[in-house]
C-alpha cells in the first residue's frame, strides 16, 4: 500500500493470512467502514505491544483492553485473541514489576474488567479452586491482583477458544498452549503467594 514514490499511503492496512481469503476489490462503503474499524483495533493492539516492550505494562494493559473490545466488535478473531494474550502478559508484567509505585497502584486502582472476572469466577468454580493448603478452603475471587493466576488462565483459555475455531490458526493455538503451560509451571506459584 505504497504510493508511486514508494512512501506509505493513507490506505495502508495491517493484514493477516485470514484476510487473504476475503476479496477486497469490490467492497461497499459499509464494508470499507468495517475495515477501518477493524484496522483501528489492530493499530491499538500494535500500540499496546510497543507499550509493553517499552516497559509500561499499565499503558499496555489499557491499550490491550481497548484493542480487545474493538477487535471483538469488528469480528477479527486473530487480533482479538492476540489482544487477550497481551492483556495476560500485561497482568504478569505489572505483577512482576513491583517498585516505583506499581504495587500501590495495583492494590488501590487495578480492577479486572467484568468479562475477565466472569471468566475467572467460572473457571475457579469449575475447577473447585482452593488455597493450595490441602484443607479444602475455597478461594475468594475478588477484583484485585490476588486473582492474577485465574485471570491469566481465563484470558489465555478464551484466546485459545477463539484460535481453535480457525484451521489456519492452529500453530498459534499450540504456541499459546505452550505459553500457558510454561506460566503454570514457572510463575503461577509465585503469583499465588502474593496474597
C-alpha atoms as a PDB file:
ATOM      1  CA  UNK A   1       0.000   0.000   0.000  1.00  0.00           C
ATOM      2  CA  UNK A   2       2.697   2.441  -1.027  1.00  0.00           C
ATOM      3  CA  UNK A   3       2.127   5.341  -3.363  1.00  0.00           C
ATOM      4  CA  UNK A   4       4.035   5.802  -6.619  1.00  0.00           C
ATOM      5  CA  UNK A   5       7.045   7.288  -4.842  1.00  0.00           C
ATOM      6  CA  UNK A   6       7.351   4.266  -2.504  1.00  0.00           C
ATOM      7  CA  UNK A   7       6.109   6.163   0.542  1.00  0.00           C
ATOM      8  CA  UNK A   8       3.427   4.661   2.746  1.00  0.00           C
ATOM      9  CA  UNK A   9      -0.048   5.625   1.595  1.00  0.00           C
ATOM     10  CA  UNK A  10      -3.043   6.573   3.687  1.00  0.00           C
ATOM     11  CA  UNK A  11      -4.778   3.287   2.940  1.00  0.00           C
ATOM     12  CA  UNK A  12      -2.075   1.005   4.393  1.00  0.00           C
ATOM     13  CA  UNK A  13      -3.745  -1.808   6.343  1.00  0.00           C
ATOM     14  CA  UNK A  14      -2.481  -4.377   8.815  1.00  0.00           C
ATOM     15  CA  UNK A  15      -3.343  -7.759   7.292  1.00  0.00           C
ATOM     16  CA  UNK A  16      -3.126 -11.406   8.299  1.00  0.00           C
ATOM     17  CA  UNK A  17      -3.398 -14.720   6.407  1.00  0.00           C
ATOM     18  CA  UNK A  18      -7.099 -14.811   7.306  1.00  0.00           C
ATOM     19  CA  UNK A  19      -7.564 -11.586   5.333  1.00  0.00           C
ATOM     20  CA  UNK A  20      -6.308 -13.195   2.126  1.00  0.00           C
ATOM     21  CA  UNK A  21      -9.497 -15.251   1.852  1.00  0.00           C
ATOM     22  CA  UNK A  22     -11.671 -12.156   1.538  1.00  0.00           C
ATOM     23  CA  UNK A  23     -11.772 -10.252  -1.774  1.00  0.00           C
ATOM     24  CA  UNK A  24     -11.190  -6.527  -1.278  1.00  0.00           C
ATOM     25  CA  UNK A  25     -11.735  -5.349  -4.848  1.00  0.00           C
ATOM     26  CA  UNK A  26     -15.460  -4.609  -4.821  1.00  0.00           C
ATOM     27  CA  UNK A  27     -16.261  -3.507  -1.282  1.00  0.00           C
ATOM     28  CA  UNK A  28     -19.256  -1.372  -0.442  1.00  0.00           C
ATOM     29  CA  UNK A  29     -18.987   1.786   1.645  1.00  0.00           C
ATOM     30  CA  UNK A  30     -20.319  -0.162   4.632  1.00  0.00           C
ATOM     31  CA  UNK A  31     -17.641  -2.831   4.201  1.00  0.00           C
ATOM     32  CA  UNK A  32     -14.932  -0.191   3.896  1.00  0.00           C
ATOM     33  CA  UNK A  33     -16.162   1.369   7.140  1.00  0.00           C
ATOM     34  CA  UNK A  34     -15.969  -2.051   8.816  1.00  0.00           C
ATOM     35  CA  UNK A  35     -12.395  -2.451   7.530  1.00  0.00           C
ATOM     36  CA  UNK A  36     -11.466   0.926   9.000  1.00  0.00           C
ATOM     37  CA  UNK A  37     -12.890  -0.054  12.403  1.00  0.00           C
ATOM     38  CA  UNK A  38     -11.031  -3.372  12.237  1.00  0.00           C
ATOM     39  CA  UNK A  39      -7.818  -1.584  11.343  1.00  0.00           C
ATOM     40  CA  UNK A  40      -8.273   0.767  14.307  1.00  0.00           C
ATOM     41  CA  UNK A  41      -8.411  -2.232  16.673  1.00  0.00           C
ATOM     42  CA  UNK A  42      -5.313  -3.714  15.063  1.00  0.00           C
ATOM     43  CA  UNK A  43      -3.381  -0.485  15.390  1.00  0.00           C
ATOM     44  CA  UNK A  44      -4.410  -0.207  19.051  1.00  0.00           C
ATOM     45  CA  UNK A  45      -3.108  -3.735  19.637  1.00  0.00           C
ATOM     46  CA  UNK A  46       0.213  -2.826  17.970  1.00  0.00           C
ATOM     47  CA  UNK A  47       0.448   0.270  20.171  1.00  0.00           C
ATOM     48  CA  UNK A  48      -0.147  -1.943  23.210  1.00  0.00           C
ATOM     49  CA  UNK A  49       2.657  -4.263  22.072  1.00  0.00           C
ATOM     50  CA  UNK A  50       5.012  -1.309  21.819  1.00  0.00           C
ATOM     51  CA  UNK A  51       3.947  -0.021  25.252  1.00  0.00           C
ATOM     52  CA  UNK A  52       4.706  -3.409  26.768  1.00  0.00           C
ATOM     53  CA  UNK A  53       8.079  -3.565  25.020  1.00  0.00           C
ATOM     54  CA  UNK A  54       8.845  -0.045  26.257  1.00  0.00           C
ATOM     55  CA  UNK A  55       8.321  -1.218  29.836  1.00  0.00           C
ATOM     56  CA  UNK A  56       4.937   0.358  30.507  1.00  0.00           C
ATOM     57  CA  UNK A  57       2.617  -2.545  31.351  1.00  0.00           C
ATOM     58  CA  UNK A  58      -0.102  -0.290  32.770  1.00  0.00           C
ATOM     59  CA  UNK A  59      -0.385   1.633  29.489  1.00  0.00           C
ATOM     60  CA  UNK A  60      -0.155  -1.649  27.586  1.00  0.00           C
ATOM     61  CA  UNK A  61      -2.986  -3.138  29.637  1.00  0.00           C
ATOM     62  CA  UNK A  62      -5.264  -0.184  28.887  1.00  0.00           C
ATOM     63  CA  UNK A  63      -4.464  -0.390  25.177  1.00  0.00           C
ATOM     64  CA  UNK A  64      -4.873  -4.179  25.037  1.00  0.00           C
ATOM     65  CA  UNK A  65      -8.263  -3.853  26.711  1.00  0.00           C
ATOM     66  CA  UNK A  66      -9.355  -1.264  24.135  1.00  0.00           C
ATOM     67  CA  UNK A  67      -7.943  -3.392  21.309  1.00  0.00           C
ATOM     68  CA  UNK A  68      -9.781  -6.485  22.552  1.00  0.00           C
ATOM     69  CA  UNK A  69     -13.035  -4.570  22.625  1.00  0.00           C
ATOM     70  CA  UNK A  70     -12.521  -3.089  19.162  1.00  0.00           C
ATOM     71  CA  UNK A  71     -11.426  -6.335  17.522  1.00  0.00           C
ATOM     72  CA  UNK A  72     -14.198  -8.353  19.141  1.00  0.00           C
ATOM     73  CA  UNK A  73     -16.840  -5.938  17.854  1.00  0.00           C
ATOM     74  CA  UNK A  74     -15.299  -5.910  14.377  1.00  0.00           C
ATOM     75  CA  UNK A  75     -15.241  -9.745  14.210  1.00  0.00           C
ATOM     76  CA  UNK A  76     -11.464 -10.011  13.893  1.00  0.00           C
ATOM     77  CA  UNK A  77     -10.643 -13.312  15.677  1.00  0.00           C
ATOM     78  CA  UNK A  78      -6.856 -13.421  15.338  1.00  0.00           C
ATOM     79  CA  UNK A  79      -6.338  -9.904  16.615  1.00  0.00           C
ATOM     80  CA  UNK A  80      -8.946 -10.371  19.352  1.00  0.00           C
ATOM     81  CA  UNK A  81      -7.114 -13.469  20.598  1.00  0.00           C
ATOM     82  CA  UNK A  82      -3.797 -11.599  20.390  1.00  0.00           C
ATOM     83  CA  UNK A  83      -5.218  -8.712  22.422  1.00  0.00           C
ATOM     84  CA  UNK A  84      -6.414 -11.151  25.096  1.00  0.00           C
ATOM     85  CA  UNK A  85      -2.958 -12.721  25.208  1.00  0.00           C
ATOM     86  CA  UNK A  86      -1.494  -9.232  25.523  1.00  0.00           C
ATOM     87  CA  UNK A  87      -3.800  -8.475  28.484  1.00  0.00           C
ATOM     88  CA  UNK A  88      -2.487 -11.604  30.209  1.00  0.00           C
ATOM     89  CA  UNK A  89       1.116 -10.560  29.502  1.00  0.00           C
ATOM     90  CA  UNK A  90       0.444  -7.065  30.830  1.00  0.00           C
ATOM     91  CA  UNK A  91      -1.041  -8.538  34.035  1.00  0.00           C
ATOM     92  CA  UNK A  92       2.069 -10.654  34.555  1.00  0.00           C
ATOM     93  CA  UNK A  93       4.391  -7.744  33.784  1.00  0.00           C
ATOM     94  CA  UNK A  94       2.546  -5.497  36.243  1.00  0.00           C
ATOM     95  CA  UNK A  95       2.695  -8.119  38.977  1.00  0.00           C
ATOM     96  CA  UNK A  96       6.382  -8.780  38.355  1.00  0.00           C
ATOM     97  CA  UNK A  97       7.397  -5.115  38.030  1.00  0.00           C
ATOM     98  CA  UNK A  98       6.902  -4.083  41.637  1.00  0.00           C
ATOM     99  CA  UNK A  99       8.711  -0.984  42.834  1.00  0.00           C
ATOM    100  CA  UNK A 100       8.215   2.550  41.518  1.00  0.00           C
ATOM    101  CA  UNK A 101       4.687   2.615  42.950  1.00  0.00           C
ATOM    102  CA  UNK A 102       3.357  -0.192  40.765  1.00  0.00           C
ATOM    103  CA  UNK A 103       2.266  -2.346  43.711  1.00  0.00           C
ATOM    104  CA  UNK A 104       0.445   0.571  45.362  1.00  0.00           C
ATOM    105  CA  UNK A 105      -1.214   1.463  42.063  1.00  0.00           C
ATOM    106  CA  UNK A 106      -2.348  -2.116  41.512  1.00  0.00           C
ATOM    107  CA  UNK A 107      -3.670  -2.540  45.027  1.00  0.00           C
ATOM    108  CA  UNK A 108      -5.586   0.749  45.008  1.00  0.00           C
ATOM    109  CA  UNK A 109      -6.689   1.202  41.391  1.00  0.00           C
ATOM    110  CA  UNK A 110      -6.416  -2.019  39.462  1.00  0.00           C
ATOM    111  CA  UNK A 111      -9.712  -3.708  38.715  1.00  0.00           C
ATOM    112  CA  UNK A 112     -10.224  -6.533  36.267  1.00  0.00           C
ATOM    113  CA  UNK A 113     -12.906  -5.899  33.620  1.00  0.00           C
ATOM    114  CA  UNK A 114     -16.304  -7.568  34.106  1.00  0.00           C
ATOM    115  CA  UNK A 115     -15.768 -10.076  31.255  1.00  0.00           C
ATOM    116  CA  UNK A 116     -12.439 -11.242  32.645  1.00  0.00           C
ATOM    117  CA  UNK A 117     -13.868 -11.530  36.155  1.00  0.00           C
ATOM    118  CA  UNK A 118     -16.769 -13.630  34.856  1.00  0.00           C
ATOM    119  CA  UNK A 119     -14.304 -15.973  33.128  1.00  0.00           C
ATOM    120  CA  UNK A 120     -12.087 -16.203  36.229  1.00  0.00           C
ATOM    121  CA  UNK A 121     -15.034 -16.887  38.528  1.00  0.00           C
ATOM    122  CA  UNK A 122     -16.455 -19.543  36.206  1.00  0.00           C
ATOM    123  CA  UNK A 123     -13.064 -21.180  35.892  1.00  0.00           C
ATOM    124  CA  UNK A 124     -12.480 -21.111  39.662  1.00  0.00           C
ATOM    125  CA  UNK A 125     -15.872 -22.638  40.378  1.00  0.00           C
ATOM    126  CA  UNK A 126     -15.470 -25.306  37.680  1.00  0.00           C
ATOM    127  CA  UNK A 127     -12.023 -26.263  38.947  1.00  0.00           C
ATOM    128  CA  UNK A 128     -13.080 -26.210  42.616  1.00  0.00           C
ATOM    129  CA  UNK A 129     -10.205 -23.838  43.283  1.00  0.00           C
ATOM    130  CA  UNK A 130      -8.709 -23.926  46.742  1.00  0.00           C
ATOM    131  CA  UNK A 131      -5.912 -22.142  48.555  1.00  0.00           C
ATOM    132  CA  UNK A 132      -3.489 -24.967  47.882  1.00  0.00           C
ATOM    133  CA  UNK A 133      -3.165 -25.748  51.567  1.00  0.00           C
ATOM    134  CA  UNK A 134      -4.940 -29.091  51.287  1.00  0.00           C
ATOM    135  CA  UNK A 135      -7.671 -28.037  53.727  1.00  0.00           C
ATOM    136  CA  UNK A 136     -10.295 -27.565  51.027  1.00  0.00           C
ATOM    137  CA  UNK A 137     -10.795 -23.848  51.668  1.00  0.00           C
ATOM    138  CA  UNK A 138     -12.302 -22.184  48.662  1.00  0.00           C
ATOM    139  CA  UNK A 139     -10.534 -19.262  47.071  1.00  0.00           C
ATOM    140  CA  UNK A 140     -12.212 -15.894  47.149  1.00  0.00           C
ATOM    141  CA  UNK A 141     -12.221 -14.324  43.711  1.00  0.00           C
ATOM    142  CA  UNK A 142     -12.001 -10.580  44.097  1.00  0.00           C
ATOM    143  CA  UNK A 143     -11.248  -7.738  41.710  1.00  0.00           C
ATOM    144  CA  UNK A 144      -7.615  -7.118  42.691  1.00  0.00           C
ATOM    145  CA  UNK A 145      -4.359  -8.730  41.645  1.00  0.00           C
ATOM    146  CA  UNK A 146      -4.845 -11.593  44.097  1.00  0.00           C
ATOM    147  CA  UNK A 147      -6.799 -13.336  41.344  1.00  0.00           C
ATOM    148  CA  UNK A 148      -3.989 -12.926  38.834  1.00  0.00           C
ATOM    149  CA  UNK A 149      -3.442 -16.637  38.067  1.00  0.00           C
ATOM    150  CA  UNK A 150      -7.147 -17.188  37.382  1.00  0.00           C
ATOM    151  CA  UNK A 151      -7.351 -14.042  35.266  1.00  0.00           C
ATOM    152  CA  UNK A 152      -4.289 -15.028  33.228  1.00  0.00           C
ATOM    153  CA  UNK A 153      -5.599 -18.548  32.702  1.00  0.00           C
ATOM    154  CA  UNK A 154      -9.094 -17.295  31.819  1.00  0.00           C
ATOM    155  CA  UNK A 155      -7.727 -14.814  29.271  1.00  0.00           C
ATOM    156  CA  UNK A 156      -5.449 -17.375  27.644  1.00  0.00           C
ATOM    157  CA  UNK A 157      -8.179 -20.019  27.545  1.00  0.00           C
ATOM    158  CA  UNK A 158     -10.586 -17.528  25.944  1.00  0.00           C
ATOM    159  CA  UNK A 159      -7.921 -16.660  23.362  1.00  0.00           C
ATOM    160  CA  UNK A 160      -7.300 -20.370  22.698  1.00  0.00           C
ATOM    161  CA  UNK A 161     -11.035 -20.970  22.258  1.00  0.00           C
ATOM    162  CA  UNK A 162     -11.047 -18.299  19.553  1.00  0.00           C
ATOM    163  CA  UNK A 163      -7.902 -19.620  17.864  1.00  0.00           C
ATOM    164  CA  UNK A 164      -9.074 -23.249  17.780  1.00  0.00           C
ATOM    165  CA  UNK A 165     -12.056 -22.293  15.583  1.00  0.00           C
ATOM    166  CA  UNK A 166      -9.827 -21.492  12.611  1.00  0.00           C
ATOM    167  CA  UNK A 167      -7.662 -24.128  10.970  1.00  0.00           C
ATOM    168  CA  UNK A 168      -5.053 -21.627   9.804  1.00  0.00           C
ATOM    169  CA  UNK A 169      -4.504 -20.504  13.396  1.00  0.00           C
ATOM    170  CA  UNK A 170      -3.621 -23.956  14.773  1.00  0.00           C
ATOM    171  CA  UNK A 171       0.100 -23.129  15.173  1.00  0.00           C
ATOM    172  CA  UNK A 172      -0.796 -20.027  17.191  1.00  0.00           C
ATOM    173  CA  UNK A 173      -3.165 -22.098  19.335  1.00  0.00           C
ATOM    174  CA  UNK A 174      -0.379 -24.605  20.039  1.00  0.00           C
ATOM    175  CA  UNK A 175       2.086 -21.813  20.848  1.00  0.00           C
ATOM    176  CA  UNK A 176      -0.328 -20.171  23.247  1.00  0.00           C
ATOM    177  CA  UNK A 177      -0.987 -23.509  24.934  1.00  0.00           C
ATOM    178  CA  UNK A 178       2.754 -23.900  25.469  1.00  0.00           C
ATOM    179  CA  UNK A 179       2.998 -20.380  26.935  1.00  0.00           C
ATOM    180  CA  UNK A 180       0.191 -21.173  29.362  1.00  0.00           C
ATOM    181  CA  UNK A 181       1.904 -24.406  30.390  1.00  0.00           C
ATOM    182  CA  UNK A 182       5.144 -22.505  30.988  1.00  0.00           C
ATOM    183  CA  UNK A 183       3.312 -19.888  33.060  1.00  0.00           C
ATOM    184  CA  UNK A 184       1.633 -22.552  35.201  1.00  0.00           C
ATOM    185  CA  UNK A 185       4.924 -24.412  35.661  1.00  0.00           C
ATOM    186  CA  UNK A 186       7.225 -21.452  36.286  1.00  0.00           C
ATOM    187  CA  UNK A 187       5.346 -18.384  37.543  1.00  0.00           C
ATOM    188  CA  UNK A 188       1.857 -19.188  38.805  1.00  0.00           C
ATOM    189  CA  UNK A 189       3.101 -20.412  42.202  1.00  0.00           C
ATOM    190  CA  UNK A 190       4.834 -17.082  42.850  1.00  0.00           C
ATOM    191  CA  UNK A 191       1.708 -15.124  41.948  1.00  0.00           C
ATOM    192  CA  UNK A 192      -0.427 -17.326  44.203  1.00  0.00           C
ATOM    193  CA  UNK A 193       1.870 -16.445  47.106  1.00  0.00           C
ATOM    194  CA  UNK A 194       1.212 -12.718  46.556  1.00  0.00           C
ATOM    195  CA  UNK A 195      -1.956 -12.988  48.599  1.00  0.00           C
END
